[in-house]
């Protein structure tokens, strides 16, 4: 009796495998057939663009007037990415101190906003993150603290829950 059940089980498994193989073969044939069917799309001309009024915006928000004295144009030569681009040693020299300071202030502001969002999410659980710059690794690291305490939690103190 047990041998008969094993035979029926093997036949059922073999039948299932054959049906799965047949479905895969048929679906592959349908996909290939659909790829060979040419698709015809009718040509529709695009409408002619309507001219839009052009104005001059002030260079600084809140500046009054719309004259040419408010327009700031910065020109820099176009170069191939292999010749000059971010990541090259000389690239920052071409940007200038003013632009580099602005980029750094944007990065700092972004880090502050990210930390504030993370602390907002941790607040209901009674935790907060404090950032500190690691001079050895030259990167910002974060300490996890309990709300109301100044010392960061050690790894051993973090609950497993």
Foldseek 3Di string as FASTA:
>chain_A
DVVVVVVVVVVVVVVVVVVVVVVVVVVVVVVVVVVPDDDDDDDDDDDDDDDDDDFADFCDPPDDDGDPVRDDDDDDDDDDVVVDDPPDPCNVVVCDDVNVVVVVVVVVVVVVVVQVVVQVVCVVVQKHWDWDADPVVRGIDIFICGPPDDDGDDPVRDDPD
